[in-house]
Amino acid sequence: MAIFGSKPGVKQSEKLARLSGNLSSNSPHLLRLGWLGLKVADVLAEALFLENILKLKFVDEGNTASGHRVRYNCGGVELELVGGGATWATRSKPRRGQPDVSLVPSLLFNDLNRFEAGLKEQDVLVTRPFEQGWGASLFFLDPERNIWQANEIRVEPALPAGTGPIISALWLSVENFPAQVNFYREVLGLELLNQGHNSPPITETAEQFHQANPVILPASPLDCALNQPEPATGAVFAAGELKLALSPGGKPLEGKQERTWGVDTAWLPGFQTNNLREFARKLADAGIKTNGPYTFHYINTTPKGPRWQAGSALRFCDPEGHPLQVYE
C-alpha cells in the first residue's frame, strides 16, 4: 500500500482531471476538503507554535461573534485557529480511559531531519523518525497536546523552494472500518484511491512488492464476513488537494456517540460543496442529522488585501460520531 495511496508515476494532470470532472457535475457533491478548524484553550500559545515552530503561513485574523480567529495557509487547506477549546486533561475519554485522539493531521516536508532538529531545539516532544524506504515519518505534540505527524516522501516531487510545510493528509481512526469506508465513499461521495491489508511496507523492496501485488479489501461488510479477510491497514480518499486516510483501531467515547468540537476533539474538518442546501438533503436522505446553519467566514482576496466574508455551513457527524462540517 503506497503512502497515502499515492503511486510513483501518477501524473498531476490525471489528478486535476479527476477534480475537474467533479466540478462539472450539477448534482450536489463535495468539491474538496478546504478548511480545518482547530479549537484550543490558549490561542496565543498555539498561534506562536504554528508560526514560529511549524512555520505555517499566516493569512489573516479577525474577531467574530464566537471569538478571535487566526487563519493559516497550509497548501490545499486553510487551518483556522479558534479559542474556546477544552484542555487535554478535561477532554472526554474513550473506553481505555485516555483522552480521545481520533484525528491526526499530517504535514509534508522536504527535509524531515532539519524539521526534527528544530523541534528538539525548542524542547518539543517528538518521536524518533522511522525510516520506510519511500520516506520517513515522525510524530510530535503541540502546546495543547494534540498529536501531529510529519512526513518526508521521496517518491513524490519535492515542495517548491520557499514553500512552507503543507497539510497533505488527515488520518482518522475508526472502529468499524468497512462501515466507515462505505459511509465516506457512498454517502459523502469521496473517491477511494487505495485500500489494503496485511502489514504495511517498511522497506523500498516491500513497497515495490505491495504495488506489484495489491490486495483489495472487499467492497462491503457482507463480503468481509463471507471471505474473512485479514484486518485492514487503511483506506485513502481523495479530497481535493488533500487525502483523507481511515485507519482501524478507533474507540468510541464513554457513554456518548457524537463528539463535540472543542470539548471532545480539537479538530473539525470542513468540506466545500457546490450546493449546501441540496447536499443537506442528500445527508438527510441517508439518515444523517445536520446542525445549523452556522456562519462560516471565508477569506476573499481583494486589491486592498484579504477580507473576511460570511458564508454558511452545516455540521454533522459520521456514523462513529466524528464531527464534520460542510460549507458553501
C-alpha atoms as a PDB file:
ATOM      1  CA  MET A   1       0.000   0.000   0.000  1.00  0.00           C
ATOM      2  CA  ALA A   2       1.641   3.223  -1.134  1.00  0.00           C
ATOM      3  CA  ILE A   3       1.919   6.122   1.285  1.00  0.00           C
ATOM      4  CA  PHE A   4      -1.418   7.986   1.397  1.00  0.00           C
ATOM      5  CA  GLY A   5      -2.478   5.955  -1.652  1.00  0.00           C
ATOM      6  CA  SER A   6      -0.025   7.677  -3.985  1.00  0.00           C
ATOM      7  CA  LYS A   7       1.949   5.761  -6.585  1.00  0.00           C
ATOM      8  CA  PRO A   8       5.128   6.849  -8.348  1.00  0.00           C
ATOM      9  CA  GLY A   9       4.434   7.886 -11.916  1.00  0.00           C
ATOM     10  CA  VAL A  10       0.871   9.163 -11.397  1.00  0.00           C
ATOM     11  CA  LYS A  11       0.715  12.414 -13.336  1.00  0.00           C
ATOM     12  CA  GLN A  12      -0.559  15.597 -11.745  1.00  0.00           C
ATOM     13  CA  SER A  13      -2.705  16.156 -14.847  1.00  0.00           C
ATOM     14  CA  GLU A  14      -4.606  12.952 -14.076  1.00  0.00           C
ATOM     15  CA  LYS A  15      -5.387  14.191 -10.556  1.00  0.00           C
ATOM     16  CA  LEU A  16      -6.559  17.558 -11.926  1.00  0.00           C
ATOM     17  CA  ALA A  17      -8.721  15.794 -14.495  1.00  0.00           C
ATOM     18  CA  ARG A  18     -10.470  13.846 -11.737  1.00  0.00           C
ATOM     19  CA  LEU A  19     -11.103  17.084  -9.813  1.00  0.00           C
ATOM     20  CA  SER A  20     -12.349  18.885 -12.926  1.00  0.00           C
ATOM     21  CA  GLY A  21     -14.758  16.051 -13.577  1.00  0.00           C
ATOM     22  CA  ASN A  22     -16.254  16.508 -10.128  1.00  0.00           C
ATOM     23  CA  LEU A  23     -16.543  20.270 -10.557  1.00  0.00           C
ATOM     24  CA  SER A  24     -18.523  19.905 -13.794  1.00  0.00           C
ATOM     25  CA  SER A  25     -21.263  17.828 -12.187  1.00  0.00           C
ATOM     26  CA  ASN A  26     -24.582  19.540 -11.425  1.00  0.00           C
ATOM     27  CA  SER A  27     -25.525  17.122  -8.661  1.00  0.00           C
ATOM     28  CA  PRO A  28     -24.747  18.117  -5.039  1.00  0.00           C
ATOM     29  CA  HIS A  29     -21.264  16.902  -4.172  1.00  0.00           C
ATOM     30  CA  LEU A  30     -18.145  17.765  -2.198  1.00  0.00           C
ATOM     31  CA  LEU A  31     -15.515  19.791  -4.041  1.00  0.00           C
ATOM     32  CA  ARG A  32     -12.637  19.452  -1.601  1.00  0.00           C
ATOM     33  CA  LEU A  33     -11.541  19.344   1.991  1.00  0.00           C
ATOM     34  CA  GLY A  34     -10.614  23.023   2.096  1.00  0.00           C
ATOM     35  CA  TRP A  35     -10.837  24.014   5.760  1.00  0.00           C
ATOM     36  CA  LEU A  36      -9.692  22.567   9.079  1.00  0.00           C
ATOM     37  CA  GLY A  37     -10.835  24.043  12.378  1.00  0.00           C
ATOM     38  CA  LEU A  38      -8.568  23.783  15.435  1.00  0.00           C
ATOM     39  CA  LYS A  39     -10.218  24.815  18.713  1.00  0.00           C
ATOM     40  CA  VAL A  40      -7.786  25.384  21.584  1.00  0.00           C
ATOM     41  CA  ALA A  41      -7.754  26.650  25.162  1.00  0.00           C
ATOM     42  CA  ASP A  42      -4.830  29.086  24.636  1.00  0.00           C
ATOM     43  CA  VAL A  43      -4.994  30.774  21.217  1.00  0.00           C
ATOM     44  CA  LEU A  44      -1.838  32.855  21.732  1.00  0.00           C
ATOM     45  CA  ALA A  45       0.394  29.911  22.720  1.00  0.00           C
ATOM     46  CA  GLU A  46      -0.882  27.786  19.827  1.00  0.00           C
ATOM     47  CA  ALA A  47      -0.511  30.637  17.324  1.00  0.00           C
ATOM     48  CA  LEU A  48       3.103  31.203  18.368  1.00  0.00           C
ATOM     49  CA  PHE A  49       3.770  27.479  17.936  1.00  0.00           C
ATOM     50  CA  LEU A  50       2.162  27.319  14.491  1.00  0.00           C
ATOM     51  CA  GLU A  51       4.028  30.381  13.231  1.00  0.00           C
ATOM     52  CA  ASN A  52       7.423  30.105  14.943  1.00  0.00           C
ATOM     53  CA  ILE A  53       7.897  26.335  15.191  1.00  0.00           C
ATOM     54  CA  LEU A  54       5.864  24.890  12.320  1.00  0.00           C
ATOM     55  CA  LYS A  55       6.410  27.962  10.102  1.00  0.00           C
ATOM     56  CA  LEU A  56       2.830  27.915   8.803  1.00  0.00           C
ATOM     57  CA  LYS A  57       1.937  30.809   6.517  1.00  0.00           C
ATOM     58  CA  PHE A  58      -0.213  33.423   8.287  1.00  0.00           C
ATOM     59  CA  VAL A  59      -3.205  34.593   6.221  1.00  0.00           C
ATOM     60  CA  ASP A  60      -5.340  36.832   8.398  1.00  0.00           C
ATOM     61  CA  GLU A  61      -7.011  37.203  11.762  1.00  0.00           C
ATOM     62  CA  GLY A  62     -10.214  38.756  12.978  1.00  0.00           C
ATOM     63  CA  ASN A  63     -12.905  38.869  15.604  1.00  0.00           C
ATOM     64  CA  THR A  64     -16.285  37.232  15.122  1.00  0.00           C
ATOM     65  CA  ALA A  65     -19.277  36.678  17.390  1.00  0.00           C
ATOM     66  CA  SER A  66     -17.712  33.395  18.502  1.00  0.00           C
ATOM     67  CA  GLY A  67     -14.305  34.898  19.345  1.00  0.00           C
ATOM     68  CA  HIS A  68     -10.866  35.638  17.934  1.00  0.00           C
ATOM     69  CA  ARG A  69      -9.798  33.599  14.899  1.00  0.00           C
ATOM     70  CA  VAL A  70      -6.469  33.188  13.077  1.00  0.00           C
ATOM     71  CA  ARG A  71      -6.079  31.533   9.673  1.00  0.00           C
ATOM     72  CA  TYR A  72      -3.066  29.873   8.061  1.00  0.00           C
ATOM     73  CA  ASN A  73      -2.449  28.702   4.510  1.00  0.00           C
ATOM     74  CA  CYS A  74      -1.420  25.035   4.642  1.00  0.00           C
ATOM     75  CA  GLY A  75      -1.400  24.216   0.938  1.00  0.00           C
ATOM     76  CA  GLY A  76      -4.774  22.963  -0.234  1.00  0.00           C
ATOM     77  CA  VAL A  77      -6.433  23.621   3.118  1.00  0.00           C
ATOM     78  CA  GLU A  78      -6.824  26.645   5.384  1.00  0.00           C
ATOM     79  CA  LEU A  79      -6.206  25.977   9.059  1.00  0.00           C
ATOM     80  CA  GLU A  80      -8.384  28.164  11.281  1.00  0.00           C
ATOM     81  CA  LEU A  81      -7.357  28.547  14.907  1.00  0.00           C
ATOM     82  CA  VAL A  82     -10.176  29.474  17.303  1.00  0.00           C
ATOM     83  CA  GLY A  83     -10.480  29.796  21.070  1.00  0.00           C
ATOM     84  CA  GLY A  84     -12.815  28.085  23.481  1.00  0.00           C
ATOM     85  CA  GLY A  85     -11.408  24.568  23.389  1.00  0.00           C
ATOM     86  CA  ALA A  86     -11.134  22.199  26.331  1.00  0.00           C
ATOM     87  CA  THR A  87      -7.714  21.397  27.761  1.00  0.00           C
ATOM     88  CA  TRP A  88      -6.165  17.957  27.257  1.00  0.00           C
ATOM     89  CA  ALA A  89      -6.884  16.939  30.842  1.00  0.00           C
ATOM     90  CA  THR A  90     -10.594  17.756  30.618  1.00  0.00           C
ATOM     91  CA  ARG A  91     -11.363  16.198  27.221  1.00  0.00           C
ATOM     92  CA  SER A  92     -13.738  13.247  27.067  1.00  0.00           C
ATOM     93  CA  LYS A  93     -12.192   9.797  27.140  1.00  0.00           C
ATOM     94  CA  PRO A  94     -12.856   6.628  25.140  1.00  0.00           C
ATOM     95  CA  ARG A  95     -13.120   3.210  26.713  1.00  0.00           C
ATOM     96  CA  ARG A  96      -9.453   2.873  27.656  1.00  0.00           C
ATOM     97  CA  GLY A  97      -9.574   5.991  29.799  1.00  0.00           C
ATOM     98  CA  GLN A  98      -7.177   8.202  27.824  1.00  0.00           C
ATOM     99  CA  PRO A  99      -8.128  11.495  26.118  1.00  0.00           C
ATOM    100  CA  ASP A 100      -9.557  10.903  22.669  1.00  0.00           C
ATOM    101  CA  VAL A 101      -7.079  11.082  19.758  1.00  0.00           C
ATOM    102  CA  SER A 102      -9.110  10.198  16.700  1.00  0.00           C
ATOM    103  CA  LEU A 103      -7.744  12.623  14.098  1.00  0.00           C
ATOM    104  CA  VAL A 104      -4.105  13.410  13.284  1.00  0.00           C
ATOM    105  CA  PRO A 105      -3.062  15.975  10.635  1.00  0.00           C
ATOM    106  CA  SER A 106      -0.020  15.114   8.527  1.00  0.00           C
ATOM    107  CA  LEU A 107       2.489  17.796   7.470  1.00  0.00           C
ATOM    108  CA  LEU A 108       4.738  17.375   4.434  1.00  0.00           C
ATOM    109  CA  PHE A 109       8.397  18.483   4.468  1.00  0.00           C
ATOM    110  CA  ASN A 110      11.310  18.232   2.050  1.00  0.00           C
ATOM    111  CA  ASP A 111      13.820  17.670   4.857  1.00  0.00           C
ATOM    112  CA  LEU A 112      12.445  15.807   7.867  1.00  0.00           C
ATOM    113  CA  ASN A 113      15.787  15.709   9.700  1.00  0.00           C
ATOM    114  CA  ARG A 114      16.013  19.502   9.632  1.00  0.00           C
ATOM    115  CA  PHE A 115      12.468  19.815  10.959  1.00  0.00           C
ATOM    116  CA  GLU A 116      13.213  17.310  13.733  1.00  0.00           C
ATOM    117  CA  ALA A 117      16.287  19.269  14.781  1.00  0.00           C
ATOM    118  CA  GLY A 118      14.190  22.435  15.024  1.00  0.00           C
ATOM    119  CA  LEU A 119      11.642  20.692  17.245  1.00  0.00           C
ATOM    120  CA  LYS A 120      14.345  19.444  19.580  1.00  0.00           C
ATOM    121  CA  GLU A 121      15.885  22.909  19.830  1.00  0.00           C
ATOM    122  CA  GLN A 122      12.513  24.183  21.070  1.00  0.00           C
ATOM    123  CA  ASP A 123      12.071  21.244  23.505  1.00  0.00           C
ATOM    124  CA  VAL A 124       9.019  19.951  21.629  1.00  0.00           C
ATOM    125  CA  LEU A 125       8.039  16.374  22.490  1.00  0.00           C
ATOM    126  CA  VAL A 126       8.848  14.361  19.362  1.00  0.00           C
ATOM    127  CA  THR A 127       9.304  10.709  18.444  1.00  0.00           C
ATOM    128  CA  ARG A 128      12.339   9.326  16.676  1.00  0.00           C
ATOM    129  CA  PRO A 129      11.861   9.312  12.855  1.00  0.00           C
ATOM    130  CA  PHE A 130      11.050   5.896  11.440  1.00  0.00           C
ATOM    131  CA  GLU A 131      12.524   5.130   8.040  1.00  0.00           C
ATOM    132  CA  GLN A 132      10.342   3.372   5.457  1.00  0.00           C
ATOM    133  CA  GLY A 133      12.310   3.415   2.218  1.00  0.00           C
ATOM    134  CA  TRP A 134       9.941   5.646   0.265  1.00  0.00           C
ATOM    135  CA  GLY A 135      10.185   8.229   3.025  1.00  0.00           C
ATOM    136  CA  ALA A 136      10.274   8.814   6.763  1.00  0.00           C
ATOM    137  CA  SER A 137       7.814   9.962   9.418  1.00  0.00           C
ATOM    138  CA  LEU A 138       7.673  11.182  12.998  1.00  0.00           C
ATOM    139  CA  PHE A 139       5.037  12.363  15.487  1.00  0.00           C
ATOM    140  CA  PHE A 140       5.125  15.390  17.793  1.00  0.00           C
ATOM    141  CA  LEU A 141       2.902  17.313  20.230  1.00  0.00           C
ATOM    142  CA  ASP A 142       1.786  20.936  20.065  1.00  0.00           C
ATOM    143  CA  PRO A 143       1.234  23.079  23.234  1.00  0.00           C
ATOM    144  CA  GLU A 144      -2.344  21.735  23.535  1.00  0.00           C
ATOM    145  CA  ARG A 145      -1.005  18.152  23.385  1.00  0.00           C
ATOM    146  CA  ASN A 146      -2.576  17.480  20.007  1.00  0.00           C
ATOM    147  CA  ILE A 147      -0.684  14.849  18.023  1.00  0.00           C
ATOM    148  CA  TRP A 148       0.720  15.811  14.612  1.00  0.00           C
ATOM    149  CA  GLN A 149       2.554  13.731  12.021  1.00  0.00           C
ATOM    150  CA  ALA A 150       5.410  14.975   9.825  1.00  0.00           C
ATOM    151  CA  ASN A 151       6.452  13.215   6.622  1.00  0.00           C
ATOM    152  CA  GLU A 152       9.180  13.325   4.024  1.00  0.00           C
ATOM    153  CA  ILE A 153       8.061  11.417   0.910  1.00  0.00           C
ATOM    154  CA  ARG A 154      10.851  10.642  -1.547  1.00  0.00           C
ATOM    155  CA  VAL A 155       8.729   9.000  -4.267  1.00  0.00           C
ATOM    156  CA  GLU A 156       6.825  12.238  -4.946  1.00  0.00           C
ATOM    157  CA  PRO A 157       8.060  15.617  -6.273  1.00  0.00           C
ATOM    158  CA  ALA A 158       9.624  17.893  -3.655  1.00  0.00           C
ATOM    159  CA  LEU A 159       7.797  21.001  -2.484  1.00  0.00           C
ATOM    160  CA  PRO A 160       8.779  24.123  -4.466  1.00  0.00           C
ATOM    161  CA  ALA A 161      11.609  26.159  -2.974  1.00  0.00           C
ATOM    162  CA  GLY A 162      10.353  28.625  -0.389  1.00  0.00           C
ATOM    163  CA  THR A 163       7.122  26.734   0.184  1.00  0.00           C
ATOM    164  CA  GLY A 164       6.244  26.276   3.832  1.00  0.00           C
ATOM    165  CA  PRO A 165       5.035  22.949   5.196  1.00  0.00           C
ATOM    166  CA  ILE A 166       1.622  21.895   3.941  1.00  0.00           C
ATOM    167  CA  ILE A 167      -1.033  19.649   5.424  1.00  0.00           C
ATOM    168  CA  SER A 168      -1.118  16.780   2.941  1.00  0.00           C
ATOM    169  CA  ALA A 169      -3.477  14.369   4.718  1.00  0.00           C
ATOM    170  CA  LEU A 170      -5.740  13.795   7.704  1.00  0.00           C
ATOM    171  CA  TRP A 171      -5.627  10.436   9.484  1.00  0.00           C
ATOM    172  CA  LEU A 172      -8.934   9.369  11.057  1.00  0.00           C
ATOM    173  CA  SER A 173      -9.003   6.378  13.409  1.00  0.00           C
ATOM    174  CA  VAL A 174     -12.232   4.356  13.174  1.00  0.00           C
ATOM    175  CA  GLU A 175     -13.715   1.335  14.923  1.00  0.00           C
ATOM    176  CA  ASN A 176     -15.935  -0.267  12.245  1.00  0.00           C
ATOM    177  CA  PHE A 177     -13.614   0.062   9.273  1.00  0.00           C
ATOM    178  CA  PRO A 178     -15.811  -1.420   6.482  1.00  0.00           C
ATOM    179  CA  ALA A 179     -18.852   0.636   7.554  1.00  0.00           C
ATOM    180  CA  GLN A 180     -16.839   3.867   7.704  1.00  0.00           C
ATOM    181  CA  VAL A 181     -15.270   3.214   4.293  1.00  0.00           C
ATOM    182  CA  ASN A 182     -18.773   2.733   2.926  1.00  0.00           C
ATOM    183  CA  PHE A 183     -20.005   5.995   4.509  1.00  0.00           C
ATOM    184  CA  TYR A 184     -17.207   8.185   3.156  1.00  0.00           C
ATOM    185  CA  ARG A 185     -17.410   6.580  -0.283  1.00  0.00           C
ATOM    186  CA  GLU A 186     -21.152   6.078  -0.808  1.00  0.00           C
ATOM    187  CA  VAL A 187     -22.730   8.831   1.322  1.00  0.00           C
ATOM    188  CA  LEU A 188     -20.161  11.641   1.114  1.00  0.00           C
ATOM    189  CA  GLY A 189     -19.098  10.607  -2.380  1.00  0.00           C
ATOM    190  CA  LEU A 190     -15.313  10.801  -1.864  1.00  0.00           C
ATOM    191  CA  GLU A 191     -13.121   8.995  -4.378  1.00  0.00           C
ATOM    192  CA  LEU A 192     -11.416   5.935  -2.893  1.00  0.00           C
ATOM    193  CA  LEU A 193      -7.802   5.914  -4.070  1.00  0.00           C
ATOM    194  CA  ASN A 194      -6.324   2.984  -2.233  1.00  0.00           C
ATOM    195  CA  GLN A 195      -7.076   0.378   0.387  1.00  0.00           C
ATOM    196  CA  GLY A 196      -5.364  -2.774   1.542  1.00  0.00           C
ATOM    197  CA  HIS A 197      -4.497  -5.054   4.387  1.00  0.00           C
ATOM    198  CA  ASN A 198      -1.607  -7.139   5.717  1.00  0.00           C
ATOM    199  CA  SER A 199       1.360  -5.361   7.317  1.00  0.00           C
ATOM    200  CA  PRO A 200       2.221  -2.009   5.725  1.00  0.00           C
ATOM    201  CA  PRO A 201       5.559  -1.937   3.861  1.00  0.00           C
ATOM    202  CA  ILE A 202       8.597  -0.747   5.804  1.00  0.00           C
ATOM    203  CA  THR A 203      11.286  -1.008   3.101  1.00  0.00           C
ATOM    204  CA  GLU A 204      11.527   0.044  -0.533  1.00  0.00           C
ATOM    205  CA  THR A 205      11.586  -3.603  -1.587  1.00  0.00           C
ATOM    206  CA  ALA A 206       8.398  -4.312   0.358  1.00  0.00           C
ATOM    207  CA  GLU A 207       6.783  -1.210  -1.126  1.00  0.00           C
ATOM    208  CA  GLN A 208       7.537  -2.418  -4.659  1.00  0.00           C
ATOM    209  CA  PHE A 209       6.119  -5.847  -3.806  1.00  0.00           C
ATOM    210  CA  HIS A 210       2.879  -4.358  -2.490  1.00  0.00           C
ATOM    211  CA  GLN A 211       2.494  -2.232  -5.613  1.00  0.00           C
ATOM    212  CA  ALA A 212       3.021  -5.262  -7.854  1.00  0.00           C
ATOM    213  CA  ASN A 213       0.711  -7.458  -5.743  1.00  0.00           C
ATOM    214  CA  PRO A 214      -2.130  -5.246  -4.493  1.00  0.00           C
ATOM    215  CA  VAL A 215      -4.649  -6.745  -2.080  1.00  0.00           C
ATOM    216  CA  ILE A 216      -8.112  -5.230  -2.436  1.00  0.00           C
ATOM    217  CA  LEU A 217     -10.400  -5.012   0.557  1.00  0.00           C
ATOM    218  CA  PRO A 218     -13.923  -6.421  -0.019  1.00  0.00           C
ATOM    219  CA  ALA A 219     -16.355  -3.694  -1.054  1.00  0.00           C
ATOM    220  CA  SER A 220     -18.987  -4.396   1.620  1.00  0.00           C
ATOM    221  CA  PRO A 221     -19.274  -5.694   5.208  1.00  0.00           C
ATOM    222  CA  LEU A 222     -21.086  -8.750   3.801  1.00  0.00           C
ATOM    223  CA  ASP A 223     -18.102  -9.614   1.619  1.00  0.00           C
ATOM    224  CA  CYS A 224     -15.873  -9.214   4.668  1.00  0.00           C
ATOM    225  CA  ALA A 225     -17.988 -11.707   6.602  1.00  0.00           C
ATOM    226  CA  LEU A 226     -18.061 -14.237   3.755  1.00  0.00           C
ATOM    227  CA  ASN A 227     -14.390 -14.062   2.798  1.00  0.00           C
ATOM    228  CA  GLN A 228     -12.987 -13.398   6.281  1.00  0.00           C
ATOM    229  CA  PRO A 229     -10.177 -11.085   5.091  1.00  0.00           C
ATOM    230  CA  GLU A 230      -7.208 -10.122   7.201  1.00  0.00           C
ATOM    231  CA  PRO A 231      -7.514  -6.870   9.216  1.00  0.00           C
ATOM    232  CA  ALA A 232      -7.295  -3.782   7.016  1.00  0.00           C
ATOM    233  CA  THR A 233      -4.459  -1.299   7.394  1.00  0.00           C
ATOM    234  CA  GLY A 234      -6.329   1.671   5.953  1.00  0.00           C
ATOM    235  CA  ALA A 235      -8.226   3.369   3.156  1.00  0.00           C
ATOM    236  CA  VAL A 236      -7.230   6.592   1.400  1.00  0.00           C
ATOM    237  CA  PHE A 237      -9.732   9.032  -0.134  1.00  0.00           C
ATOM    238  CA  ALA A 238      -9.123  11.982  -2.446  1.00  0.00           C
ATOM    239  CA  ALA A 239     -10.447  15.254  -1.010  1.00  0.00           C
ATOM    240  CA  GLY A 240      -9.227  17.954  -3.377  1.00  0.00           C
ATOM    241  CA  GLU A 241      -5.519  18.547  -2.838  1.00  0.00           C
ATOM    242  CA  LEU A 242      -5.615  16.639   0.454  1.00  0.00           C
ATOM    243  CA  LYS A 243      -6.118  12.994   1.249  1.00  0.00           C
ATOM    244  CA  LEU A 244      -8.342  11.598   3.994  1.00  0.00           C
ATOM    245  CA  ALA A 245      -6.975   8.327   5.355  1.00  0.00           C
ATOM    246  CA  LEU A 246      -9.037   5.965   7.530  1.00  0.00           C
ATOM    247  CA  SER A 247      -7.228   3.621   9.897  1.00  0.00           C
ATOM    248  CA  PRO A 248      -8.748   0.835  12.030  1.00  0.00           C
ATOM    249  CA  GLY A 249      -8.351   0.925  15.795  1.00  0.00           C
ATOM    250  CA  GLY A 250     -10.554   3.829  16.871  1.00  0.00           C
ATOM    251  CA  LYS A 251     -12.543   3.702  20.111  1.00  0.00           C
ATOM    252  CA  PRO A 252     -15.888   5.382  20.866  1.00  0.00           C
ATOM    253  CA  LEU A 253     -16.269   7.815  23.731  1.00  0.00           C
ATOM    254  CA  GLU A 254     -17.605   6.682  27.083  1.00  0.00           C
ATOM    255  CA  GLY A 255     -21.359   6.983  27.304  1.00  0.00           C
ATOM    256  CA  LYS A 256     -21.919   9.026  24.143  1.00  0.00           C
ATOM    257  CA  GLN A 257     -21.928   8.573  20.398  1.00  0.00           C
ATOM    258  CA  GLU A 258     -21.144  12.008  18.988  1.00  0.00           C
ATOM    259  CA  ARG A 259     -18.044  14.090  19.670  1.00  0.00           C
ATOM    260  CA  THR A 260     -18.454  17.826  20.235  1.00  0.00           C
ATOM    261  CA  TRP A 261     -15.890  20.094  18.585  1.00  0.00           C
ATOM    262  CA  GLY A 262     -13.779  21.835  21.204  1.00  0.00           C
ATOM    263  CA  VAL A 263     -14.990  19.558  24.010  1.00  0.00           C
ATOM    264  CA  ASP A 264     -14.216  16.008  22.866  1.00  0.00           C
ATOM    265  CA  THR A 265     -11.941  16.790  19.917  1.00  0.00           C
ATOM    266  CA  ALA A 266      -9.849  19.777  18.900  1.00  0.00           C
ATOM    267  CA  TRP A 267     -10.379  19.166  15.171  1.00  0.00           C
ATOM    268  CA  LEU A 268     -13.234  19.887  12.752  1.00  0.00           C
ATOM    269  CA  PRO A 269     -12.615  19.024   9.064  1.00  0.00           C
ATOM    270  CA  GLY A 270     -14.588  21.190   6.622  1.00  0.00           C
ATOM    271  CA  PHE A 271     -15.673  20.117   3.132  1.00  0.00           C
ATOM    272  CA  GLN A 272     -16.682  22.650   0.497  1.00  0.00           C
ATOM    273  CA  THR A 273     -19.783  21.775  -1.512  1.00  0.00           C
ATOM    274  CA  ASN A 274     -21.253  23.129  -4.734  1.00  0.00           C
ATOM    275  CA  ASN A 275     -24.775  23.255  -3.243  1.00  0.00           C
ATOM    276  CA  LEU A 276     -25.210  23.373   0.523  1.00  0.00           C
ATOM    277  CA  ARG A 277     -28.988  23.073   0.539  1.00  0.00           C
ATOM    278  CA  GLU A 278     -29.082  20.048  -1.753  1.00  0.00           C
ATOM    279  CA  PHE A 279     -26.149  18.354  -0.047  1.00  0.00           C
ATOM    280  CA  ALA A 280     -28.001  18.738   3.271  1.00  0.00           C
ATOM    281  CA  ARG A 281     -30.955  16.997   1.648  1.00  0.00           C
ATOM    282  CA  LYS A 282     -28.628  14.223   0.464  1.00  0.00           C
ATOM    283  CA  LEU A 283     -27.403  13.718   4.035  1.00  0.00           C
ATOM    284  CA  ALA A 284     -30.979  13.698   5.347  1.00  0.00           C
ATOM    285  CA  ASP A 285     -31.929  11.010   2.803  1.00  0.00           C
ATOM    286  CA  ALA A 286     -29.084   8.909   4.210  1.00  0.00           C
ATOM    287  CA  GLY A 287     -30.380   9.389   7.772  1.00  0.00           C
ATOM    288  CA  ILE A 288     -27.651  11.872   8.787  1.00  0.00           C
ATOM    289  CA  LYS A 289     -28.805  14.688  11.075  1.00  0.00           C
ATOM    290  CA  THR A 290     -27.297  18.136  10.442  1.00  0.00           C
ATOM    291  CA  ASN A 291     -26.985  21.150  12.750  1.00  0.00           C
ATOM    292  CA  GLY A 292     -27.002  24.763  11.670  1.00  0.00           C
ATOM    293  CA  PRO A 293     -26.727  26.720   9.542  1.00  0.00           C
ATOM    294  CA  TYR A 294     -23.691  28.343  11.120  1.00  0.00           C
ATOM    295  CA  THR A 295     -21.954  31.482   9.896  1.00  0.00           C
ATOM    296  CA  PHE A 296     -18.808  30.431   8.061  1.00  0.00           C
ATOM    297  CA  HIS A 297     -16.223  33.156   7.483  1.00  0.00           C
ATOM    298  CA  TYR A 298     -14.012  32.755   4.449  1.00  0.00           C
ATOM    299  CA  ILE A 299     -11.171  34.844   3.073  1.00  0.00           C
ATOM    300  CA  ASN A 300     -11.879  36.833  -0.089  1.00  0.00           C
ATOM    301  CA  THR A 301      -8.836  38.289  -1.854  1.00  0.00           C
ATOM    302  CA  THR A 302      -9.303  41.922  -2.860  1.00  0.00           C
ATOM    303  CA  PRO A 303      -6.964  44.628  -4.302  1.00  0.00           C
ATOM    304  CA  LYS A 304      -6.719  46.051  -0.765  1.00  0.00           C
ATOM    305  CA  GLY A 305      -5.799  42.709   0.767  1.00  0.00           C
ATOM    306  CA  PRO A 306      -7.702  39.746   2.225  1.00  0.00           C
ATOM    307  CA  ARG A 307     -11.186  40.428   3.589  1.00  0.00           C
ATOM    308  CA  TRP A 308     -13.348  38.230   5.811  1.00  0.00           C
ATOM    309  CA  GLN A 309     -16.778  37.472   4.356  1.00  0.00           C
ATOM    310  CA  ALA A 310     -19.636  35.483   5.836  1.00  0.00           C
ATOM    311  CA  GLY A 311     -20.996  32.304   4.282  1.00  0.00           C
ATOM    312  CA  SER A 312     -22.996  29.333   5.593  1.00  0.00           C
ATOM    313  CA  ALA A 313     -22.060  25.932   6.935  1.00  0.00           C
ATOM    314  CA  LEU A 314     -23.729  22.838   8.371  1.00  0.00           C
ATOM    315  CA  ARG A 315     -22.256  20.389  10.845  1.00  0.00           C
ATOM    316  CA  PHE A 316     -22.911  16.686  11.229  1.00  0.00           C
ATOM    317  CA  CYS A 317     -21.233  13.528  12.496  1.00  0.00           C
ATOM    318  CA  ASP A 318     -20.225  10.364  10.680  1.00  0.00           C
ATOM    319  CA  PRO A 319     -21.684   7.065  11.983  1.00  0.00           C
ATOM    320  CA  GLU A 320     -18.991   6.870  14.691  1.00  0.00           C
ATOM    321  CA  GLY A 321     -19.560  10.388  15.970  1.00  0.00           C
ATOM    322  CA  HIS A 322     -16.619  12.224  14.358  1.00  0.00           C
ATOM    323  CA  PRO A 323     -17.706  15.857  13.726  1.00  0.00           C
ATOM    324  CA  LEU A 324     -17.549  17.196  10.176  1.00  0.00           C
ATOM    325  CA  GLN A 325     -18.543  20.463   8.532  1.00  0.00           C
ATOM    326  CA  VAL A 326     -19.774  21.222   5.037  1.00  0.00           C
ATOM    327  CA  TYR A 327     -19.791  24.789   3.724  1.00  0.00           C
ATOM    328  CA  GLU A 328     -20.562  26.766   0.589  1.00  0.00           C
END
